[in-house]
Amino acid sequence: MLNNPMAKKVLLIEGNDERDLCSLIIKKKLNLKCESSQNIKTFIEDDDTIQIITINEVDNKDNINSFIKTSNYNNIEKLAIVVDAEDNAQKRFNYFDDIIKCVYNQNENIYYDDNKGLFLTTKTNDKTSGYLEHLVEKIILENDEKLYNDCINNLFQCADNYINQGDNEAHILKAKILAFISVRCKKRNTIGGLFQDCSNYLDSSILDNLINFLKKIFI
């Protein structure tokens, strides 16, 4: 079950990587404050703090509906939702159709409904599928293409000669990015840690749509 909202501004996100990245964007690009649910004890009344709630089971519609029925849901003034499209953006969109009263469009991944919004993380060239890692990989290639291609891709090509890596694109992409982070950042092992160590990554135009989405909802 999702936590009871404890602020006027709420961001629902899918996992810890989205939480960490969006926290950095909120602080560095929106100049606002944010708090994770476990750190909030009383309702936040100010307009400069966003509560971040992690959705543990996006694919459980009952989980989403229970959030709508929480005692403080109607106290939310601005609500943003950020989740992966995965391999079926429309299916993911439909989980939130009781919150975001919009019509699905296969050419769009951003939806606004008054003071609420939904951002489906997709590939840049395909709005029907994708993961956060697709955006992260593009940002890595902008900044560290040689390291990524010469080391990480060669590692996985070599490994594939011994153990078939299969055709699970999402799994392999996640593994590649984690391997890159372990080399590039030394003491970091998460996407949030990557963006903390490589602060210039936050300036990539690939993040513009996500940054502008959060700005439109919360500012």
N, C-alpha and C. Protein backbone atom coordinates (compact mmCIF):
# COMPACT_ATOMS: atom_id res chain seq x y z
N MET A 1 0.85 -1.20 0.00
CA MET A 1 0.00 0.00 0.00
C MET A 1 0.88 1.25 0.00
N LEU A 2 0.47 2.25 -0.78
CA LEU A 2 1.23 3.49 -0.85
C LEU A 2 1.02 4.32 0.41
N ASN A 3 2.04 5.10 0.76
CA ASN A 3 1.95 5.95 1.94
C ASN A 3 0.90 7.04 1.79
N ASN A 4 0.34 7.44 2.89
CA ASN A 4 -0.59 8.56 2.91
C ASN A 4 0.18 9.84 2.53
N PRO A 5 -0.28 10.60 1.55
CA PRO A 5 0.43 11.83 1.20
C PRO A 5 0.47 12.80 2.37
N MET A 6 1.64 13.44 2.55
CA MET A 6 1.84 14.32 3.69
C MET A 6 2.34 15.69 3.25
N ALA A 7 1.98 16.10 2.04
CA ALA A 7 2.39 17.41 1.54
C ALA A 7 1.40 17.86 0.47
N LYS A 8 1.43 19.16 0.19
CA LYS A 8 0.56 19.70 -0.85
C LYS A 8 1.09 19.37 -2.24
N LYS A 9 2.40 19.13 -2.32
CA LYS A 9 3.02 18.75 -3.58
C LYS A 9 3.59 17.35 -3.44
N VAL A 10 3.19 16.45 -4.33
CA VAL A 10 3.58 15.04 -4.22
C VAL A 10 4.10 14.54 -5.56
N LEU A 11 5.20 13.78 -5.48
CA LEU A 11 5.76 13.12 -6.65
C LEU A 11 5.72 11.61 -6.42
N LEU A 12 4.97 10.90 -7.25
CA LEU A 12 4.95 9.44 -7.22
C LEU A 12 5.98 8.94 -8.23
N ILE A 13 6.91 8.11 -7.76
CA ILE A 13 7.91 7.58 -8.67
C ILE A 13 7.99 6.07 -8.52
N GLU A 14 8.60 5.42 -9.53
CA GLU A 14 8.53 3.96 -9.58
C GLU A 14 9.55 3.27 -8.68
N GLY A 15 10.76 3.79 -8.60
CA GLY A 15 11.78 3.09 -7.84
C GLY A 15 12.84 4.03 -7.30
N ASN A 16 13.87 3.45 -6.70
CA ASN A 16 14.90 4.25 -6.06
C ASN A 16 15.72 5.06 -7.05
N ASP A 17 15.95 4.52 -8.24
CA ASP A 17 16.73 5.28 -9.24
C ASP A 17 15.98 6.54 -9.66
N GLU A 18 14.67 6.40 -9.91
CA GLU A 18 13.87 7.57 -10.24
C GLU A 18 13.82 8.56 -9.07
N ARG A 19 13.70 8.01 -7.87
CA ARG A 19 13.68 8.87 -6.67
C ARG A 19 14.95 9.70 -6.56
N ASP A 20 16.10 9.04 -6.72
CA ASP A 20 17.38 9.73 -6.55
C ASP A 20 17.61 10.77 -7.66
N LEU A 21 17.28 10.40 -8.89
CA LEU A 21 17.47 11.34 -10.00
C LEU A 21 16.52 12.53 -9.87
N CYS A 22 15.25 12.26 -9.59
CA CYS A 22 14.28 13.35 -9.48
C CYS A 22 14.59 14.25 -8.28
N SER A 23 15.13 13.68 -7.21
CA SER A 23 15.53 14.49 -6.06
C SER A 23 16.59 15.50 -6.47
N LEU A 24 17.57 15.05 -7.26
CA LEU A 24 18.62 15.95 -7.73
C LEU A 24 18.05 17.03 -8.64
N ILE A 25 17.14 16.64 -9.53
CA ILE A 25 16.52 17.62 -10.44
C ILE A 25 15.74 18.66 -9.65
N ILE A 26 14.97 18.21 -8.67
CA ILE A 26 14.16 19.13 -7.87
C ILE A 26 15.04 20.14 -7.14
N LYS A 27 16.14 19.65 -6.58
CA LYS A 27 17.02 20.53 -5.82
C LYS A 27 17.88 21.43 -6.71
N LYS A 28 18.42 20.86 -7.80
CA LYS A 28 19.39 21.59 -8.62
C LYS A 28 18.74 22.41 -9.74
N LYS A 29 17.64 21.91 -10.29
CA LYS A 29 17.02 22.56 -11.45
C LYS A 29 15.76 23.34 -11.10
N LEU A 30 15.01 22.89 -10.07
CA LEU A 30 13.79 23.58 -9.68
C LEU A 30 14.00 24.48 -8.47
N ASN A 31 15.14 24.29 -7.78
CA ASN A 31 15.44 25.05 -6.56
C ASN A 31 14.34 24.89 -5.50
N LEU A 32 13.81 23.68 -5.40
CA LEU A 32 12.83 23.36 -4.38
C LEU A 32 13.40 22.29 -3.45
N LYS A 33 12.70 22.03 -2.37
CA LYS A 33 13.11 21.00 -1.43
C LYS A 33 12.26 19.75 -1.65
N CYS A 34 12.78 18.61 -1.23
CA CYS A 34 11.99 17.38 -1.32
C CYS A 34 12.34 16.48 -0.15
N GLU A 35 11.37 15.66 0.22
CA GLU A 35 11.54 14.72 1.33
C GLU A 35 10.94 13.37 0.94
N SER A 36 11.62 12.31 1.30
CA SER A 36 11.06 10.98 1.12
C SER A 36 10.03 10.70 2.21
N SER A 37 9.10 9.83 1.93
CA SER A 37 7.98 9.58 2.83
C SER A 37 8.40 9.23 4.24
N GLN A 38 9.46 8.40 4.35
CA GLN A 38 9.83 7.91 5.68
C GLN A 38 10.36 9.01 6.58
N ASN A 39 10.73 10.16 5.99
CA ASN A 39 11.28 11.26 6.78
C ASN A 39 10.22 12.27 7.22
N ILE A 40 8.97 12.07 6.80
CA ILE A 40 7.92 13.06 7.08
C ILE A 40 7.01 12.54 8.19
N LYS A 41 6.87 13.32 9.24
CA LYS A 41 6.05 12.91 10.38
C LYS A 41 4.74 13.69 10.46
N THR A 42 4.74 14.95 10.01
CA THR A 42 3.53 15.77 10.02
C THR A 42 3.32 16.39 8.65
N PHE A 43 2.08 16.77 8.37
CA PHE A 43 1.74 17.30 7.05
C PHE A 43 2.53 18.58 6.76
N ILE A 44 3.12 18.64 5.56
CA ILE A 44 3.94 19.79 5.15
C ILE A 44 3.04 20.82 4.47
N GLU A 45 2.98 22.00 5.03
CA GLU A 45 2.08 23.04 4.52
C GLU A 45 2.75 23.98 3.52
N ASP A 46 4.10 24.05 3.54
CA ASP A 46 4.75 25.06 2.68
C ASP A 46 4.72 24.65 1.22
N ASP A 47 4.94 25.62 0.33
CA ASP A 47 4.83 25.41 -1.11
C ASP A 47 6.16 25.03 -1.76
N ASP A 48 7.22 24.94 -0.97
CA ASP A 48 8.55 24.71 -1.53
C ASP A 48 9.08 23.31 -1.28
N THR A 49 8.27 22.44 -0.67
CA THR A 49 8.72 21.09 -0.37
C THR A 49 7.83 20.07 -1.07
N ILE A 50 8.46 19.13 -1.75
CA ILE A 50 7.76 18.07 -2.48
C ILE A 50 7.98 16.75 -1.75
N GLN A 51 6.90 16.05 -1.48
CA GLN A 51 7.02 14.71 -0.90
C GLN A 51 7.19 13.70 -2.03
N ILE A 52 8.21 12.86 -1.92
CA ILE A 52 8.44 11.81 -2.91
C ILE A 52 7.98 10.48 -2.34
N ILE A 53 7.04 9.85 -3.03
CA ILE A 53 6.52 8.55 -2.61
C ILE A 53 6.89 7.51 -3.66
N THR A 54 7.51 6.43 -3.22
CA THR A 54 7.90 5.36 -4.13
C THR A 54 6.76 4.36 -4.29
N ILE A 55 6.44 4.05 -5.55
CA ILE A 55 5.41 3.06 -5.85
C ILE A 55 6.08 1.69 -5.92
N ASN A 56 5.76 0.83 -5.03
CA ASN A 56 6.40 -0.49 -5.01
C ASN A 56 5.79 -1.45 -6.03
N GLU A 57 4.53 -1.26 -6.34
CA GLU A 57 3.85 -2.17 -7.27
C GLU A 57 3.02 -1.36 -8.26
N VAL A 58 3.69 -0.86 -9.30
CA VAL A 58 2.97 -0.08 -10.31
C VAL A 58 1.92 -0.94 -11.00
N ASP A 59 2.24 -2.21 -11.23
CA ASP A 59 1.35 -3.09 -11.99
C ASP A 59 0.19 -3.63 -11.17
N ASN A 60 0.02 -3.13 -9.95
CA ASN A 60 -1.10 -3.52 -9.11
C ASN A 60 -2.08 -2.35 -9.04
N LYS A 61 -3.16 -2.43 -9.82
CA LYS A 61 -4.12 -1.32 -9.87
C LYS A 61 -4.73 -1.05 -8.50
N ASP A 62 -4.92 -2.10 -7.70
CA ASP A 62 -5.47 -1.90 -6.36
C ASP A 62 -4.55 -1.03 -5.51
N ASN A 63 -3.25 -1.18 -5.73
CA ASN A 63 -2.28 -0.37 -5.00
C ASN A 63 -2.44 1.11 -5.34
N ILE A 64 -2.66 1.40 -6.62
CA ILE A 64 -2.86 2.79 -7.06
C ILE A 64 -4.19 3.32 -6.52
N ASN A 65 -5.22 2.51 -6.59
CA ASN A 65 -6.54 2.95 -6.11
C ASN A 65 -6.55 3.20 -4.60
N SER A 66 -5.74 2.43 -3.87
CA SER A 66 -5.68 2.65 -2.43
C SER A 66 -5.07 4.01 -2.10
N PHE A 67 -4.18 4.46 -2.96
CA PHE A 67 -3.58 5.78 -2.77
C PHE A 67 -4.64 6.87 -2.90
N ILE A 68 -5.54 6.71 -3.87
CA ILE A 68 -6.60 7.69 -4.08
C ILE A 68 -7.53 7.77 -2.86
N LYS A 69 -7.64 6.67 -2.15
CA LYS A 69 -8.56 6.61 -1.00
C LYS A 69 -7.90 7.01 0.32
N THR A 70 -6.61 7.36 0.31
CA THR A 70 -5.95 7.77 1.55
C THR A 70 -6.58 9.07 2.07
N SER A 71 -6.46 9.28 3.36
CA SER A 71 -7.15 10.39 4.00
C SER A 71 -6.68 11.76 3.53
N ASN A 72 -5.43 11.87 3.08
CA ASN A 72 -4.90 13.17 2.68
C ASN A 72 -4.87 13.39 1.18
N TYR A 73 -5.41 12.42 0.41
CA TYR A 73 -5.32 12.55 -1.06
C TYR A 73 -5.93 13.86 -1.55
N ASN A 74 -7.05 14.25 -1.01
CA ASN A 74 -7.73 15.47 -1.47
C ASN A 74 -7.03 16.74 -1.02
N ASN A 75 -6.01 16.59 -0.16
CA ASN A 75 -5.23 17.76 0.25
C ASN A 75 -4.07 18.04 -0.69
N ILE A 76 -3.85 17.14 -1.64
CA ILE A 76 -2.79 17.35 -2.62
C ILE A 76 -3.20 18.46 -3.59
N GLU A 77 -2.33 19.43 -3.77
CA GLU A 77 -2.60 20.51 -4.72
C GLU A 77 -1.91 20.27 -6.06
N LYS A 78 -0.78 19.59 -6.03
CA LYS A 78 -0.05 19.30 -7.27
C LYS A 78 0.54 17.89 -7.17
N LEU A 79 0.29 17.10 -8.22
CA LEU A 79 0.71 15.69 -8.20
C LEU A 79 1.39 15.33 -9.52
N ALA A 80 2.61 14.82 -9.44
CA ALA A 80 3.33 14.34 -10.62
C ALA A 80 3.63 12.86 -10.45
N ILE A 81 3.56 12.11 -11.56
CA ILE A 81 3.83 10.67 -11.55
C ILE A 81 4.89 10.39 -12.61
N VAL A 82 5.95 9.69 -12.23
CA VAL A 82 7.03 9.33 -13.17
C VAL A 82 7.26 7.83 -13.09
N VAL A 83 6.97 7.12 -14.19
CA VAL A 83 7.17 5.66 -14.24
C VAL A 83 7.69 5.26 -15.62
N ASP A 84 8.32 4.10 -15.68
CA ASP A 84 8.78 3.57 -16.97
C ASP A 84 7.59 3.12 -17.82
N ALA A 85 7.75 3.27 -19.13
CA ALA A 85 6.76 2.71 -20.05
C ALA A 85 6.91 1.20 -20.15
N GLU A 86 8.11 0.70 -19.84
CA GLU A 86 8.47 -0.71 -20.01
C GLU A 86 8.20 -1.13 -21.45
N ASP A 87 7.63 -2.30 -21.69
CA ASP A 87 7.43 -2.74 -23.07
C ASP A 87 6.02 -2.46 -23.58
N ASN A 88 5.22 -1.73 -22.77
CA ASN A 88 3.84 -1.43 -23.19
C ASN A 88 3.38 -0.15 -22.50
N ALA A 89 3.59 0.99 -23.17
CA ALA A 89 3.27 2.28 -22.56
C ALA A 89 1.78 2.42 -22.27
N GLN A 90 0.93 1.90 -23.14
CA GLN A 90 -0.51 2.04 -22.92
C GLN A 90 -0.96 1.27 -21.68
N LYS A 91 -0.40 0.10 -21.48
CA LYS A 91 -0.73 -0.69 -20.29
C LYS A 91 -0.33 0.08 -19.04
N ARG A 92 0.85 0.68 -19.07
CA ARG A 92 1.33 1.45 -17.94
C ARG A 92 0.45 2.69 -17.71
N PHE A 93 0.08 3.35 -18.80
CA PHE A 93 -0.80 4.52 -18.74
C PHE A 93 -2.12 4.17 -18.05
N ASN A 94 -2.66 3.01 -18.40
CA ASN A 94 -3.98 2.62 -17.90
C ASN A 94 -4.01 2.41 -16.39
N TYR A 95 -2.88 2.10 -15.78
CA TYR A 95 -2.85 1.92 -14.33
C TYR A 95 -3.21 3.22 -13.60
N PHE A 96 -3.03 4.35 -14.27
CA PHE A 96 -3.25 5.64 -13.62
C PHE A 96 -4.46 6.40 -14.18
N ASP A 97 -5.34 5.68 -14.90
CA ASP A 97 -6.44 6.39 -15.56
C ASP A 97 -7.50 6.90 -14.59
N ASP A 98 -7.44 6.49 -13.32
CA ASP A 98 -8.35 7.06 -12.32
C ASP A 98 -7.79 8.34 -11.71
N ILE A 99 -6.53 8.62 -12.00
CA ILE A 99 -5.90 9.85 -11.53
C ILE A 99 -5.74 10.85 -12.67
N ILE A 100 -5.22 10.37 -13.78
CA ILE A 100 -4.99 11.22 -14.96
C ILE A 100 -6.10 10.96 -15.97
N LYS A 101 -7.02 11.88 -16.08
CA LYS A 101 -8.19 11.70 -16.96
C LYS A 101 -7.86 12.19 -18.37
N CYS A 102 -7.02 11.45 -19.05
CA CYS A 102 -6.61 11.79 -20.41
C CYS A 102 -6.81 10.59 -21.32
N VAL A 103 -6.66 10.82 -22.62
CA VAL A 103 -6.75 9.75 -23.60
C VAL A 103 -5.34 9.36 -24.02
N TYR A 104 -5.05 8.07 -24.02
CA TYR A 104 -3.72 7.61 -24.40
C TYR A 104 -3.43 7.94 -25.86
N ASN A 105 -2.20 8.37 -26.12
CA ASN A 105 -1.73 8.68 -27.47
C ASN A 105 -0.37 8.03 -27.65
N GLN A 106 -0.25 7.14 -28.61
CA GLN A 106 1.00 6.40 -28.79
C GLN A 106 2.18 7.28 -29.19
N ASN A 107 1.89 8.52 -29.57
CA ASN A 107 2.95 9.44 -29.95
C ASN A 107 3.34 10.39 -28.81
N GLU A 108 2.74 10.19 -27.66
CA GLU A 108 3.01 11.07 -26.52
C GLU A 108 3.44 10.24 -25.31
N ASN A 109 4.28 10.83 -24.47
CA ASN A 109 4.63 10.16 -23.22
C ASN A 109 4.43 11.07 -22.00
N ILE A 110 3.89 12.28 -22.25
CA ILE A 110 3.65 13.23 -21.17
C ILE A 110 2.18 13.66 -21.21
N TYR A 111 1.52 13.60 -20.06
CA TYR A 111 0.10 13.93 -19.98
C TYR A 111 -0.15 14.87 -18.81
N TYR A 112 -1.01 15.85 -19.03
CA TYR A 112 -1.38 16.80 -17.98
C TYR A 112 -2.90 16.79 -17.80
N ASP A 113 -3.31 16.83 -16.55
CA ASP A 113 -4.73 16.90 -16.21
C ASP A 113 -4.88 17.88 -15.05
N ASP A 114 -5.13 19.15 -15.39
CA ASP A 114 -5.19 20.22 -14.40
C ASP A 114 -3.88 20.27 -13.60
N ASN A 115 -3.96 20.01 -12.31
CA ASN A 115 -2.77 20.12 -11.45
C ASN A 115 -2.04 18.79 -11.29
N LYS A 116 -2.34 17.83 -12.17
CA LYS A 116 -1.71 16.52 -12.11
C LYS A 116 -1.03 16.21 -13.45
N GLY A 117 -0.02 15.35 -13.40
CA GLY A 117 0.66 14.98 -14.63
C GLY A 117 1.28 13.60 -14.55
N LEU A 118 1.41 12.97 -15.72
CA LEU A 118 2.02 11.64 -15.82
C LEU A 118 3.15 11.70 -16.85
N PHE A 119 4.34 11.25 -16.44
CA PHE A 119 5.49 11.16 -17.33
C PHE A 119 5.88 9.69 -17.47
N LEU A 120 5.70 9.15 -18.69
CA LEU A 120 6.12 7.78 -18.98
C LEU A 120 7.52 7.84 -19.58
N THR A 121 8.49 7.26 -18.90
CA THR A 121 9.85 7.27 -19.40
C THR A 121 9.96 6.29 -20.56
N THR A 122 10.29 6.82 -21.74
CA THR A 122 10.35 6.02 -22.96
C THR A 122 11.69 6.22 -23.67
N LYS A 123 11.91 5.42 -24.68
CA LYS A 123 13.04 5.67 -25.57
C LYS A 123 12.80 7.01 -26.28
N THR A 124 13.87 7.68 -26.68
CA THR A 124 13.70 8.99 -27.32
C THR A 124 13.05 8.87 -28.70
N ASN A 125 13.19 7.73 -29.34
CA ASN A 125 12.64 7.56 -30.69
C ASN A 125 11.42 6.65 -30.74
N ASP A 126 10.89 6.30 -29.58
CA ASP A 126 9.74 5.39 -29.52
C ASP A 126 8.97 5.67 -28.24
N LYS A 127 7.78 6.23 -28.37
CA LYS A 127 6.99 6.61 -27.19
C LYS A 127 6.15 5.47 -26.64
N THR A 128 6.29 4.28 -27.21
CA THR A 128 5.46 3.16 -26.78
C THR A 128 6.19 2.21 -25.83
N SER A 129 7.48 2.43 -25.60
CA SER A 129 8.22 1.55 -24.71
C SER A 129 9.47 2.26 -24.22
N GLY A 130 10.04 1.72 -23.14
CA GLY A 130 11.31 2.28 -22.67
C GLY A 130 11.44 2.29 -21.16
N TYR A 131 12.66 2.51 -20.71
CA TYR A 131 13.02 2.55 -19.30
C TYR A 131 13.88 3.78 -19.03
N LEU A 132 14.02 4.13 -17.77
CA LEU A 132 14.92 5.22 -17.39
C LEU A 132 16.32 4.96 -17.94
N GLU A 133 16.73 3.70 -17.94
CA GLU A 133 18.08 3.35 -18.39
C GLU A 133 18.33 3.74 -19.85
N HIS A 134 17.29 3.78 -20.68
CA HIS A 134 17.49 4.21 -22.06
C HIS A 134 17.94 5.67 -22.12
N LEU A 135 17.38 6.51 -21.27
CA LEU A 135 17.80 7.92 -21.23
C LEU A 135 19.20 8.03 -20.64
N VAL A 136 19.45 7.26 -19.59
CA VAL A 136 20.76 7.32 -18.93
C VAL A 136 21.86 6.89 -19.89
N GLU A 137 21.60 5.83 -20.66
CA GLU A 137 22.62 5.37 -21.61
C GLU A 137 22.95 6.46 -22.63
N LYS A 138 21.95 7.16 -23.12
CA LYS A 138 22.20 8.22 -24.09
C LYS A 138 23.05 9.34 -23.47
N ILE A 139 22.79 9.65 -22.21
CA ILE A 139 23.57 10.69 -21.54
C ILE A 139 25.01 10.22 -21.33
N ILE A 140 25.17 8.95 -20.99
CA ILE A 140 26.52 8.39 -20.85
C ILE A 140 27.28 8.51 -22.17
N LEU A 141 26.62 8.16 -23.27
CA LEU A 141 27.27 8.20 -24.58
C LEU A 141 27.62 9.63 -25.00
N GLU A 142 26.86 10.60 -24.54
CA GLU A 142 27.19 12.00 -24.80
C GLU A 142 28.49 12.41 -24.12
N ASN A 143 28.72 11.86 -22.95
CA ASN A 143 29.81 12.34 -22.10
C ASN A 143 31.00 11.37 -22.00
N ASP A 144 30.74 10.09 -22.06
CA ASP A 144 31.80 9.10 -21.85
C ASP A 144 31.68 7.96 -22.86
N GLU A 145 31.51 8.31 -24.12
CA GLU A 145 31.27 7.30 -25.15
C GLU A 145 32.41 6.30 -25.26
N LYS A 146 33.64 6.79 -25.24
CA LYS A 146 34.79 5.89 -25.43
C LYS A 146 34.88 4.87 -24.30
N LEU A 147 34.75 5.33 -23.05
CA LEU A 147 34.79 4.41 -21.91
C LEU A 147 33.67 3.38 -22.01
N TYR A 148 32.47 3.85 -22.34
CA TYR A 148 31.31 2.95 -22.40
C TYR A 148 31.47 1.92 -23.51
N ASN A 149 31.86 2.39 -24.70
CA ASN A 149 31.97 1.47 -25.84
C ASN A 149 33.19 0.56 -25.73
N ASP A 150 34.34 1.13 -25.36
CA ASP A 150 35.57 0.35 -25.35
C ASP A 150 35.61 -0.66 -24.20
N CYS A 151 35.05 -0.28 -23.07
CA CYS A 151 35.14 -1.16 -21.90
C CYS A 151 33.87 -1.97 -21.67
N ILE A 152 32.76 -1.28 -21.51
CA ILE A 152 31.53 -1.96 -21.10
C ILE A 152 30.98 -2.85 -22.21
N ASN A 153 30.84 -2.30 -23.42
CA ASN A 153 30.30 -3.11 -24.51
C ASN A 153 31.22 -4.27 -24.84
N ASN A 154 32.54 -4.03 -24.79
CA ASN A 154 33.48 -5.13 -25.05
C ASN A 154 33.37 -6.22 -23.99
N LEU A 155 33.16 -5.81 -22.74
CA LEU A 155 32.99 -6.78 -21.67
C LEU A 155 31.80 -7.69 -21.95
N PHE A 156 30.67 -7.10 -22.34
CA PHE A 156 29.47 -7.90 -22.54
C PHE A 156 29.57 -8.74 -23.81
N GLN A 157 30.26 -8.22 -24.84
CA GLN A 157 30.47 -9.03 -26.05
C GLN A 157 31.36 -10.22 -25.74
N CYS A 158 32.39 -9.98 -24.92
CA CYS A 158 33.28 -11.08 -24.51
C CYS A 158 32.51 -12.11 -23.69
N ALA A 159 31.73 -11.62 -22.72
CA ALA A 159 30.96 -12.55 -21.86
C ALA A 159 30.00 -13.39 -22.68
N ASP A 160 29.44 -12.78 -23.73
CA ASP A 160 28.45 -13.48 -24.55
C ASP A 160 29.08 -14.66 -25.28
N ASN A 161 30.40 -14.63 -25.47
CA ASN A 161 31.09 -15.76 -26.11
C ASN A 161 31.12 -16.98 -25.21
N TYR A 162 30.99 -16.75 -23.90
CA TYR A 162 31.05 -17.83 -22.94
C TYR A 162 29.68 -18.20 -22.37
N ILE A 163 28.88 -17.16 -22.12
CA ILE A 163 27.55 -17.38 -21.56
C ILE A 163 26.57 -16.55 -22.38
N ASN A 164 25.60 -17.20 -22.98
CA ASN A 164 24.62 -16.49 -23.80
C ASN A 164 23.85 -15.49 -22.93
N GLN A 165 23.93 -14.20 -23.28
CA GLN A 165 23.27 -13.17 -22.49
C GLN A 165 21.77 -13.09 -22.75
N GLY A 166 21.29 -13.83 -23.74
CA GLY A 166 19.86 -13.82 -24.04
C GLY A 166 19.43 -12.57 -24.76
N ASP A 167 18.12 -12.39 -24.87
CA ASP A 167 17.60 -11.25 -25.63
C ASP A 167 16.77 -10.32 -24.75
N ASN A 168 16.98 -10.36 -23.44
CA ASN A 168 16.26 -9.48 -22.52
C ASN A 168 16.93 -8.11 -22.54
N GLU A 169 16.47 -7.25 -23.44
CA GLU A 169 17.11 -5.95 -23.65
C GLU A 169 17.18 -5.13 -22.37
N ALA A 170 16.09 -5.08 -21.63
CA ALA A 170 16.05 -4.25 -20.43
C ALA A 170 17.04 -4.74 -19.39
N HIS A 171 17.10 -6.05 -19.19
CA HIS A 171 18.02 -6.63 -18.19
C HIS A 171 19.47 -6.34 -18.56
N ILE A 172 19.82 -6.54 -19.83
CA ILE A 172 21.20 -6.32 -20.27
C ILE A 172 21.56 -4.85 -20.17
N LEU A 173 20.64 -3.96 -20.52
CA LEU A 173 20.91 -2.52 -20.45
C LEU A 173 21.16 -2.10 -19.00
N LYS A 174 20.35 -2.57 -18.08
CA LYS A 174 20.55 -2.25 -16.67
C LYS A 174 21.91 -2.74 -16.19
N ALA A 175 22.28 -3.95 -16.59
CA ALA A 175 23.56 -4.52 -16.17
C ALA A 175 24.73 -3.72 -16.74
N LYS A 176 24.62 -3.28 -17.98
CA LYS A 176 25.68 -2.48 -18.61
C LYS A 176 25.88 -1.17 -17.85
N ILE A 177 24.77 -0.52 -17.53
CA ILE A 177 24.87 0.78 -16.85
C ILE A 177 25.45 0.62 -15.45
N LEU A 178 25.06 -0.43 -14.74
CA LEU A 178 25.62 -0.68 -13.41
C LEU A 178 27.12 -0.98 -13.51
N ALA A 179 27.52 -1.71 -14.54
CA ALA A 179 28.94 -1.98 -14.74
C ALA A 179 29.70 -0.68 -15.04
N PHE A 180 29.10 0.17 -15.86
CA PHE A 180 29.73 1.46 -16.17
C PHE A 180 29.88 2.31 -14.90
N ILE A 181 28.83 2.36 -14.09
CA ILE A 181 28.87 3.17 -12.86
C ILE A 181 29.98 2.68 -11.94
N SER A 182 30.14 1.36 -11.83
CA SER A 182 31.16 0.81 -10.94
C SER A 182 32.56 1.20 -11.38
N VAL A 183 32.75 1.41 -12.70
CA VAL A 183 34.05 1.82 -13.23
C VAL A 183 34.21 3.33 -13.16
N ARG A 184 33.18 4.04 -13.56
CA ARG A 184 33.27 5.51 -13.68
C ARG A 184 33.27 6.20 -12.33
N CYS A 185 32.53 5.67 -11.37
CA CYS A 185 32.31 6.39 -10.11
C CYS A 185 33.01 5.76 -8.91
N LYS A 186 33.60 4.60 -9.08
CA LYS A 186 34.35 3.94 -8.01
C LYS A 186 33.48 3.59 -6.81
N LYS A 187 33.05 4.56 -6.02
CA LYS A 187 32.34 4.29 -4.78
C LYS A 187 30.82 4.37 -4.93
N ARG A 188 30.33 4.55 -6.14
CA ARG A 188 28.88 4.63 -6.37
C ARG A 188 28.40 3.36 -7.06
N ASN A 189 27.15 3.00 -6.84
CA ASN A 189 26.61 1.82 -7.52
C ASN A 189 25.15 2.01 -7.91
N THR A 190 24.71 3.28 -8.03
CA THR A 190 23.32 3.56 -8.43
C THR A 190 23.31 4.67 -9.47
N ILE A 191 22.18 4.80 -10.17
CA ILE A 191 22.03 5.88 -11.14
C ILE A 191 22.07 7.23 -10.44
N GLY A 192 21.46 7.32 -9.27
CA GLY A 192 21.52 8.56 -8.51
C GLY A 192 22.96 8.93 -8.17
N GLY A 193 23.75 7.92 -7.78
CA GLY A 193 25.15 8.16 -7.48
C GLY A 193 25.92 8.63 -8.69
N LEU A 194 25.60 8.08 -9.87
CA LEU A 194 26.24 8.52 -11.11
C LEU A 194 26.02 10.00 -11.36
N PHE A 195 24.78 10.45 -11.19
CA PHE A 195 24.46 11.85 -11.44
C PHE A 195 25.00 12.77 -10.35
N GLN A 196 25.25 12.22 -9.17
CA GLN A 196 25.89 13.01 -8.12
C GLN A 196 27.37 13.21 -8.44
N ASP A 197 28.04 12.15 -8.88
CA ASP A 197 29.46 12.24 -9.19
C ASP A 197 29.70 13.02 -10.49
N CYS A 198 28.83 12.82 -11.46
CA CYS A 198 28.98 13.46 -12.78
C CYS A 198 27.87 14.51 -12.91
N SER A 199 28.04 15.61 -12.19
CA SER A 199 26.97 16.62 -12.12
C SER A 199 26.66 17.23 -13.49
N ASN A 200 27.61 17.19 -14.41
CA ASN A 200 27.37 17.72 -15.75
C ASN A 200 26.33 16.91 -16.51
N TYR A 201 26.12 15.66 -16.09
CA TYR A 201 25.09 14.84 -16.73
C TYR A 201 23.71 15.47 -16.60
N LEU A 202 23.48 16.20 -15.50
CA LEU A 202 22.18 16.84 -15.28
C LEU A 202 21.89 17.92 -16.30
N ASP A 203 22.93 18.41 -16.98
CA ASP A 203 22.75 19.48 -17.97
C ASP A 203 22.42 18.95 -19.36
N SER A 204 22.35 17.64 -19.50
CA SER A 204 22.06 17.05 -20.81
C SER A 204 20.65 17.43 -21.28
N SER A 205 20.53 17.75 -22.55
CA SER A 205 19.22 18.09 -23.11
C SER A 205 18.28 16.88 -23.12
N ILE A 206 18.83 15.68 -22.96
CA ILE A 206 18.01 14.47 -22.93
C ILE A 206 17.07 14.49 -21.72
N LEU A 207 17.45 15.22 -20.68
CA LEU A 207 16.60 15.33 -19.49
C LEU A 207 15.62 16.49 -19.57
N ASP A 208 15.67 17.27 -20.63
CA ASP A 208 14.84 18.49 -20.71
C ASP A 208 13.36 18.19 -20.54
N ASN A 209 12.87 17.14 -21.19
CA ASN A 209 11.43 16.85 -21.10
C ASN A 209 11.02 16.52 -19.67
N LEU A 210 11.84 15.75 -18.97
CA LEU A 210 11.53 15.40 -17.58
C LEU A 210 11.62 16.64 -16.69
N ILE A 211 12.66 17.44 -16.88
CA ILE A 211 12.82 18.66 -16.07
C ILE A 211 11.66 19.61 -16.31
N ASN A 212 11.30 19.81 -17.56
CA ASN A 212 10.20 20.73 -17.88
C ASN A 212 8.87 20.22 -17.37
N PHE A 213 8.69 18.90 -17.39
CA PHE A 213 7.48 18.29 -16.83
C PHE A 213 7.36 18.62 -15.34
N LEU A 214 8.43 18.40 -14.60
CA LEU A 214 8.40 18.68 -13.16
C LEU A 214 8.23 20.17 -12.89
N LYS A 215 8.83 21.01 -13.71
CA LYS A 215 8.66 22.46 -13.55
C LYS A 215 7.21 22.86 -13.76
N LYS A 216 6.60 22.30 -14.79
CA LYS A 216 5.22 22.68 -15.12
C LYS A 216 4.26 22.28 -14.01
N ILE A 217 4.51 21.14 -13.38
CA ILE A 217 3.63 20.70 -12.30
C ILE A 217 3.88 21.48 -11.01
N PHE A 218 5.13 21.65 -10.65
CA PHE A 218 5.46 22.12 -9.30
C PHE A 218 5.80 23.60 -9.18
N ILE A 219 6.05 24.29 -10.29
CA ILE A 219 6.42 25.71 -10.19
C ILE A 219 5.30 26.58 -10.78
